[in-house]
Amino acid sequence: MRKSLGYGIMLFCVFAAGCMGGKANRVKVEPAVFNHPDEMKKDDGFMVLADRRVFAVMTFLNAAGYDEEVTGRQMHPIRVKVRKLVADNLASSPEKLRYWRDYYKSKRMGSWQYADFALSLSSDYPFRRIRSDKELGYKWTAWELADFPEVLNDFWITAKLDDVWDEVKGDYIKEIDVGYDLDRMKKQMSFLWNYLKMQRNDKLIIVQVPNPLERHATASGAKYENYFYSIDGPGSSSNLNIHEYLHTIINPIVKADVPAYKSKLQQYYKAGKDAPISKSYQDPVIFTYECLVHAIDTRLIVVQLSDAEVKKRVEDKLMLLTRDGYTLSWPFYLLLADYEKSDKNFKQYMPVMFENLPQYSP
């Protein structure tokens, strides 16, 4: 019986692997092509893009039940406008709307996971997968959302998103023009690498995507092809989203040194993991990434601006984040002053920071 069961499991695994390979192979890998020059601005490795994929996916989520917003904040005016336009357009399709709401509810996925998946699609309607499963930041979404492009295309037609986009396109372009300065983004990038005392080791094209259909203070990053996308919810970024880009540098540095300090970091993680702000970081290593990036991001603002009022404001915010669940952020922040005095680059100094990190204490 045990032998038969094992053989059955082996057959199932082979079958599943074959299916996975089949699905992956059906994705025709192509470069993303952006055919609307009036919906972007770009220069020398930097781009700001009104991304139709993100617009379509976030419009779907808003129609299907994504109503989250930061306590005490109102939804962005563009989000309110889109929700009203789409609700009017879907008034005559209650059965489809009910199906889409059930679909969204059944997936139980965060908006950032949908946004990451969106960037694996072609850049305009009709949407289709053009990037492989291995490029997905959340690879299992390739399975969970295998049918989503078809759902999204149906939603685009039924909700008349061509017309909705025409209504709000000017608002998105204004977000790009007012909120992003390419020259300043370049200076922020140079300052970041100078602070880390390292040479920039990637040739990524940095793409900032304003996302007013998201809740406030929410952002996500994703790498596809040679593009690093930062999808910026309202209030999450000014010009270069250093926080999201920092993860591409800091995560591998931290990962290399974490094993030697696992028990110390585990105490901080246990103290913060059940907090609402930590729900997306249910792993000690990922939790450490996020806390350290918040610390460095804050320190960069303080050092670059040298403004006492700004310093107090951002430090107060970081202390609040630490109290609310990112337990490592403030301890890391305090250690950065010693790093700045050292002759080591950040990669070399990371073990020193871990060594000097105090044991967790409430």
Protein backbone atom coordinates (compact mmCIF):
# COMPACT_ATOMS: atom_id res chain seq x y z
CA MET A 1 0.00 0.00 0.00
CA ARG A 2 2.78 2.41 0.97
CA LYS A 3 4.64 1.58 -2.28
CA SER A 4 1.51 2.16 -4.38
CA LEU A 5 0.84 5.46 -2.65
CA GLY A 6 4.41 6.60 -3.27
CA TYR A 7 4.17 5.61 -6.94
CA GLY A 8 0.89 7.51 -7.24
CA ILE A 9 2.43 10.61 -5.72
CA MET A 10 5.38 10.31 -8.09
CA LEU A 11 3.05 10.10 -11.08
CA PHE A 12 1.10 13.08 -9.83
CA CYS A 13 4.29 15.10 -9.44
CA VAL A 14 5.47 14.18 -12.93
CA PHE A 15 2.08 15.10 -14.35
CA ALA A 16 2.01 18.36 -12.43
CA ALA A 17 5.53 19.24 -13.53
CA GLY A 18 4.55 18.54 -17.13
CA CYS A 19 1.52 20.78 -16.80
CA MET A 20 3.62 23.51 -15.24
CA GLY A 21 6.13 23.24 -18.04
CA GLY A 22 3.31 23.36 -20.56
CA LYS A 23 1.82 26.47 -19.06
CA ALA A 24 5.19 28.18 -18.83
CA ASN A 25 5.99 27.24 -22.44
CA ARG A 26 2.74 28.76 -23.66
CA VAL A 27 3.97 32.20 -22.59
CA LYS A 28 5.53 33.75 -25.67
CA VAL A 29 8.25 35.90 -24.16
CA GLU A 30 8.41 39.35 -25.75
CA PRO A 31 9.77 42.76 -24.75
CA ALA A 32 7.32 45.29 -23.36
CA VAL A 33 6.57 47.91 -26.00
CA PHE A 34 5.21 51.31 -24.97
CA ASN A 35 3.39 52.84 -27.93
CA HIS A 36 2.00 56.01 -26.37
CA PRO A 37 4.79 58.59 -26.07
CA ASP A 38 2.42 61.20 -24.63
CA GLU A 39 1.83 58.90 -21.64
CA MET A 40 5.45 58.88 -20.49
CA LYS A 41 8.58 60.91 -20.10
CA LYS A 42 12.03 59.36 -20.20
CA ASP A 43 15.72 60.22 -20.34
CA ASP A 44 18.99 58.37 -19.84
CA GLY A 45 17.84 55.26 -17.99
CA PHE A 46 14.83 56.77 -16.25
CA MET A 47 11.17 56.74 -17.20
CA VAL A 48 7.85 57.84 -15.70
CA LEU A 49 4.94 55.94 -17.20
CA ALA A 50 1.16 56.10 -17.12
CA ASP A 51 0.96 52.31 -17.26
CA ARG A 52 -2.25 51.04 -18.84
CA ARG A 53 -1.70 47.55 -17.42
CA VAL A 54 -1.62 48.86 -13.86
CA PHE A 55 -4.58 51.13 -14.60
CA ALA A 56 -6.64 48.21 -15.92
CA VAL A 57 -5.79 45.86 -13.05
CA MET A 58 -6.35 48.45 -10.34
CA THR A 59 -9.64 49.52 -11.94
CA PHE A 60 -10.72 45.88 -11.89
CA LEU A 61 -9.78 45.54 -8.21
CA ASN A 62 -11.66 48.70 -7.26
CA ALA A 63 -14.77 47.47 -9.05
CA ALA A 64 -14.43 43.98 -7.58
CA GLY A 65 -14.28 45.04 -3.94
CA TYR A 66 -10.90 46.61 -3.19
CA ASP A 67 -11.98 49.48 -0.95
CA GLU A 68 -8.96 49.82 1.36
CA GLU A 69 -7.75 53.26 2.34
CA VAL A 70 -5.51 54.61 5.08
CA THR A 71 -7.46 55.60 8.19
CA GLY A 72 -8.21 59.30 8.14
CA ARG A 73 -7.40 59.72 4.44
CA GLN A 74 -9.76 60.18 1.53
CA MET A 75 -9.31 58.22 -1.68
CA HIS A 76 -7.33 60.04 -4.36
CA PRO A 77 -9.66 62.15 -6.56
CA ILE A 78 -8.68 60.11 -9.65
CA ARG A 79 -9.62 56.91 -7.82
CA VAL A 80 -13.00 58.37 -6.86
CA LYS A 81 -13.56 59.49 -10.44
CA VAL A 82 -12.66 56.10 -11.96
CA ARG A 83 -14.80 54.17 -9.49
CA LYS A 84 -17.81 56.32 -10.35
CA LEU A 85 -17.31 56.05 -14.12
CA VAL A 86 -16.88 52.27 -13.96
CA ALA A 87 -19.84 51.80 -11.63
CA ASP A 88 -22.05 53.65 -14.12
CA ASN A 89 -20.71 51.59 -17.02
CA LEU A 90 -21.30 48.30 -15.19
CA ALA A 91 -24.81 49.15 -13.98
CA SER A 92 -26.27 47.12 -16.86
CA SER A 93 -24.03 44.08 -16.19
CA PRO A 94 -24.86 42.98 -12.61
CA GLU A 95 -24.18 39.28 -13.26
CA LYS A 96 -20.68 39.94 -14.57
CA LEU A 97 -19.96 42.29 -11.70
CA ARG A 98 -21.09 39.63 -9.25
CA TYR A 99 -18.79 37.10 -10.94
CA TRP A 100 -15.80 39.49 -10.77
CA ARG A 101 -16.45 40.20 -7.10
CA ASP A 102 -16.55 36.46 -6.37
CA TYR A 103 -13.36 35.99 -8.41
CA TYR A 104 -11.52 38.68 -6.44
CA LYS A 105 -12.80 37.38 -3.10
CA SER A 106 -11.81 33.79 -3.90
CA LYS A 107 -8.19 34.70 -4.72
CA ARG A 108 -7.46 36.37 -1.39
CA MET A 109 -4.49 38.20 -2.84
CA GLY A 110 -3.04 41.62 -2.10
CA SER A 111 -3.22 44.45 -4.62
CA TRP A 112 0.60 44.39 -4.87
CA GLN A 113 0.45 40.79 -6.11
CA TYR A 114 -1.99 41.74 -8.85
CA ALA A 115 0.20 44.75 -9.72
CA ASP A 116 3.30 42.56 -9.98
CA PHE A 117 1.41 40.15 -12.24
CA ALA A 118 0.15 43.07 -14.36
CA LEU A 119 3.71 43.93 -15.33
CA SER A 120 4.13 40.49 -16.90
CA LEU A 121 1.44 41.43 -19.45
CA SER A 122 1.57 43.28 -22.75
CA SER A 123 1.50 47.04 -22.25
CA ASP A 124 -1.91 47.67 -23.82
CA TYR A 125 -5.29 46.02 -24.40
CA PRO A 126 -5.82 43.20 -25.31
CA PHE A 127 -3.61 41.98 -22.48
CA ARG A 128 -1.60 38.77 -22.73
CA ARG A 129 1.34 37.27 -20.88
CA ILE A 130 4.67 38.31 -22.40
CA ARG A 131 7.08 37.53 -19.54
CA SER A 132 7.90 34.12 -18.13
CA ASP A 133 6.80 32.75 -14.76
CA LYS A 134 10.35 32.91 -13.40
CA GLU A 135 10.34 36.71 -13.66
CA LEU A 136 7.32 37.07 -11.39
CA GLY A 137 8.10 38.43 -7.94
CA TYR A 138 5.32 36.19 -6.60
CA LYS A 139 5.77 33.15 -8.83
CA TRP A 140 2.74 31.20 -7.60
CA THR A 141 0.51 33.95 -9.03
CA ALA A 142 1.29 32.44 -12.44
CA TRP A 143 -1.04 29.63 -11.37
CA GLU A 144 -3.54 31.58 -9.31
CA LEU A 145 -4.01 34.19 -12.04
CA ALA A 146 -3.55 32.00 -15.12
CA ASP A 147 -7.04 32.95 -16.33
CA PHE A 148 -6.77 36.59 -15.27
CA PRO A 149 -5.75 38.11 -18.65
CA GLU A 150 -8.96 36.72 -20.15
CA VAL A 151 -10.97 38.07 -17.20
CA LEU A 152 -9.23 41.44 -17.48
CA ASN A 153 -9.89 41.73 -21.22
CA ASP A 154 -13.57 40.98 -20.68
CA PHE A 155 -13.66 43.58 -17.92
CA TRP A 156 -11.95 46.15 -20.19
CA ILE A 157 -14.70 45.80 -22.81
CA THR A 158 -17.66 45.54 -20.43
CA ALA A 159 -16.55 48.45 -18.24
CA LYS A 160 -15.71 50.52 -21.35
CA LEU A 161 -12.20 51.22 -20.11
CA ASP A 162 -11.22 52.79 -23.42
CA ASP A 163 -13.65 55.59 -22.61
CA VAL A 164 -12.66 55.70 -18.94
CA TRP A 165 -8.98 55.98 -19.87
CA ASP A 166 -9.78 58.84 -22.23
CA GLU A 167 -11.53 60.59 -19.33
CA VAL A 168 -8.64 60.27 -16.88
CA LYS A 169 -5.58 60.15 -19.13
CA GLY A 170 -5.02 63.87 -18.69
CA ASP A 171 -5.11 63.43 -14.92
CA TYR A 172 -2.43 60.75 -15.12
CA ILE A 173 -0.24 62.92 -17.35
CA LYS A 174 -0.58 65.73 -14.81
CA GLU A 175 0.54 63.31 -12.08
CA ILE A 176 3.64 62.57 -14.17
CA ASP A 177 4.43 66.20 -14.95
CA VAL A 178 3.89 67.54 -11.44
CA GLY A 179 5.16 64.64 -9.35
CA TYR A 180 8.36 63.57 -11.10
CA ASP A 181 11.55 65.36 -12.15
CA LEU A 182 13.95 63.16 -14.15
CA ASP A 183 17.02 65.28 -13.34
CA ARG A 184 16.25 65.07 -9.65
CA MET A 185 15.78 61.31 -9.94
CA LYS A 186 19.28 61.01 -11.41
CA LYS A 187 20.74 63.04 -8.55
CA GLN A 188 18.91 60.91 -5.99
CA MET A 189 20.34 57.78 -7.59
CA SER A 190 23.90 59.16 -7.46
CA PHE A 191 23.47 60.23 -3.85
CA LEU A 192 22.22 56.78 -2.88
CA TRP A 193 25.23 54.95 -4.31
CA ASN A 194 27.61 57.51 -2.82
CA TYR A 195 26.03 56.93 0.58
CA LEU A 196 26.52 53.17 0.20
CA LYS A 197 30.14 53.86 -0.86
CA MET A 198 29.63 51.47 -3.75
CA GLN A 199 29.64 51.59 -7.53
CA ARG A 200 26.24 51.09 -9.11
CA ASN A 201 26.31 47.52 -10.41
CA ASP A 202 23.16 47.35 -12.51
CA LYS A 203 22.05 48.79 -15.83
CA LEU A 204 18.35 48.82 -15.02
CA ILE A 205 16.00 51.32 -16.57
CA ILE A 206 14.13 52.81 -13.62
CA VAL A 207 10.41 53.16 -14.33
CA GLN A 208 8.17 55.07 -11.91
CA VAL A 209 4.46 54.29 -12.31
CA PRO A 210 2.01 56.62 -10.56
CA ASN A 211 -0.91 54.58 -9.22
CA PRO A 212 -3.65 56.87 -7.87
CA LEU A 213 -6.10 53.94 -7.80
CA GLU A 214 -4.20 52.44 -4.83
CA ARG A 215 -4.59 53.38 -1.18
CA HIS A 216 -2.28 56.06 0.20
CA ALA A 217 1.32 55.36 1.23
CA THR A 218 1.50 52.04 -0.64
CA ALA A 219 4.15 51.10 -3.18
CA SER A 220 5.60 47.99 -4.75
CA GLY A 221 8.62 47.17 -6.88
CA ALA A 222 9.15 44.60 -9.63
CA LYS A 223 11.87 43.74 -12.15
CA TYR A 224 10.99 42.59 -15.66
CA GLU A 225 13.47 42.46 -18.54
CA ASN A 226 15.85 45.36 -17.94
CA TYR A 227 13.17 47.49 -16.27
CA PHE A 228 12.81 48.07 -12.56
CA TYR A 229 9.27 49.28 -11.95
CA SER A 230 8.20 51.16 -8.86
CA ILE A 231 4.41 51.39 -8.65
CA ASP A 232 3.68 54.42 -6.48
CA GLY A 233 0.44 54.81 -4.57
CA PRO A 234 -0.59 58.34 -3.51
CA GLY A 235 1.93 59.87 -1.14
CA SER A 236 4.40 56.97 -1.35
CA SER A 237 7.11 58.64 -3.42
CA SER A 238 8.56 61.89 -4.63
CA ASN A 239 10.55 61.39 -7.83
CA LEU A 240 12.78 58.30 -7.44
CA ASN A 241 11.18 55.76 -5.12
CA ILE A 242 14.37 55.00 -3.25
CA HIS A 243 12.65 52.60 -0.87
CA GLU A 244 11.65 50.14 -3.60
CA TYR A 245 14.94 50.40 -5.48
CA LEU A 246 16.92 49.92 -2.25
CA HIS A 247 15.47 46.44 -1.91
CA THR A 248 17.36 45.36 -5.05
CA ILE A 249 20.64 46.30 -3.30
CA ILE A 250 19.97 45.58 0.37
CA ASN A 251 18.13 42.25 0.15
CA PRO A 252 21.08 40.20 -1.20
CA ILE A 253 23.51 41.92 1.18
CA VAL A 254 21.34 41.09 4.19
CA LYS A 255 20.64 37.55 3.00
CA ALA A 256 24.35 36.74 2.87
CA ASP A 257 24.94 37.65 6.54
CA VAL A 258 21.64 36.73 8.20
CA PRO A 259 22.50 33.09 9.11
CA ALA A 260 25.18 34.10 11.61
CA TYR A 261 22.75 36.37 13.49
CA LYS A 262 19.55 34.41 13.06
CA SER A 263 18.70 34.02 16.74
CA LYS A 264 19.13 37.72 17.49
CA LEU A 265 16.99 38.77 14.53
CA GLN A 266 14.36 36.16 15.36
CA GLN A 267 13.55 37.95 18.63
CA TYR A 268 12.83 41.21 16.83
CA TYR A 269 10.76 39.35 14.27
CA LYS A 270 8.67 37.56 16.90
CA ALA A 271 7.96 40.89 18.59
CA GLY A 272 6.72 42.54 15.39
CA LYS A 273 5.33 39.86 13.09
CA ASP A 274 1.74 39.96 14.37
CA ALA A 275 1.36 43.72 13.91
CA PRO A 276 -0.97 44.83 11.09
CA ILE A 277 1.85 46.58 9.19
CA SER A 278 3.92 43.37 9.24
CA LYS A 279 1.33 41.07 7.68
CA SER A 280 3.13 41.07 4.31
CA TYR A 281 6.48 40.13 5.88
CA GLN A 282 5.84 36.78 7.55
CA ASP A 283 9.43 35.60 7.32
CA PRO A 284 12.36 36.74 9.52
CA VAL A 285 14.66 37.48 6.59
CA ILE A 286 12.07 39.41 4.56
CA PHE A 287 11.08 41.25 7.75
CA THR A 288 14.73 42.25 8.24
CA TYR A 289 14.95 43.55 4.66
CA GLU A 290 11.94 45.78 5.16
CA CYS A 291 13.04 47.18 8.52
CA LEU A 292 16.55 47.99 7.26
CA VAL A 293 15.33 49.61 4.06
CA HIS A 294 13.02 51.88 6.10
CA ALA A 295 16.00 52.85 8.27
CA ILE A 296 18.30 53.63 5.33
CA ASP A 297 15.55 55.45 3.44
CA THR A 298 14.99 57.70 6.47
CA ARG A 299 18.69 58.29 6.99
CA LEU A 300 19.17 59.29 3.36
CA ILE A 301 16.54 61.99 3.74
CA VAL A 302 18.18 63.32 6.91
CA VAL A 303 21.69 63.37 5.47
CA GLN A 304 20.72 64.75 2.07
CA LEU A 305 18.48 67.59 3.28
CA SER A 306 20.25 68.59 6.52
CA ASP A 307 17.07 70.22 7.79
CA ALA A 308 16.24 69.99 11.52
CA GLU A 309 12.50 70.16 10.97
CA VAL A 310 12.56 67.45 8.30
CA LYS A 311 14.86 65.35 10.50
CA LYS A 312 12.40 65.44 13.39
CA ARG A 313 9.46 64.63 11.16
CA VAL A 314 11.00 61.60 9.44
CA GLU A 315 12.59 60.29 12.62
CA ASP A 316 9.27 60.54 14.44
CA LYS A 317 7.68 58.61 11.60
CA LEU A 318 10.35 55.90 11.78
CA MET A 319 9.95 55.58 15.56
CA LEU A 320 6.21 55.18 15.03
CA LEU A 321 6.80 52.44 12.45
CA THR A 322 9.15 50.71 14.88
CA ARG A 323 6.60 50.87 17.67
CA ASP A 324 3.85 49.63 15.36
CA GLY A 325 5.70 46.50 14.27
CA TYR A 326 8.92 47.18 12.32
CA THR A 327 10.89 46.51 15.49
CA LEU A 328 14.32 46.54 13.81
CA SER A 329 13.98 49.87 12.02
CA TRP A 330 14.96 52.28 14.79
CA PRO A 331 17.84 50.12 16.12
CA PHE A 332 19.22 49.87 12.57
CA TYR A 333 18.79 53.61 12.08
CA LEU A 334 20.87 54.39 15.18
CA LEU A 335 23.67 52.17 13.89
CA LEU A 336 23.90 53.98 10.55
CA ALA A 337 25.73 56.96 12.09
CA ASP A 338 28.68 54.69 12.94
CA TYR A 339 28.61 53.22 9.43
CA GLU A 340 28.93 56.72 7.96
CA LYS A 341 32.13 57.29 9.97
CA SER A 342 33.69 54.02 8.84
CA ASP A 343 35.89 53.43 5.81
CA LYS A 344 33.88 50.34 4.81
CA ASN A 345 31.21 50.25 2.13
CA PHE A 346 27.75 49.09 3.14
CA LYS A 347 28.24 45.50 2.04
CA GLN A 348 31.43 45.23 4.07
CA TYR A 349 29.83 46.92 7.06
CA MET A 350 26.68 44.78 7.23
CA PRO A 351 28.21 42.12 9.54
CA VAL A 352 29.39 44.92 11.85
CA MET A 353 25.85 46.29 12.03
CA PHE A 354 24.47 42.87 12.87
CA GLU A 355 27.19 42.40 15.50
CA ASN A 356 26.46 45.78 17.10
CA LEU A 357 22.70 45.33 17.00
CA PRO A 358 21.57 45.02 20.64
CA GLN A 359 19.55 42.06 21.83
CA TYR A 360 15.83 42.73 21.56
CA SER A 361 14.26 44.38 24.59
CA PRO A 362 10.65 45.62 24.86
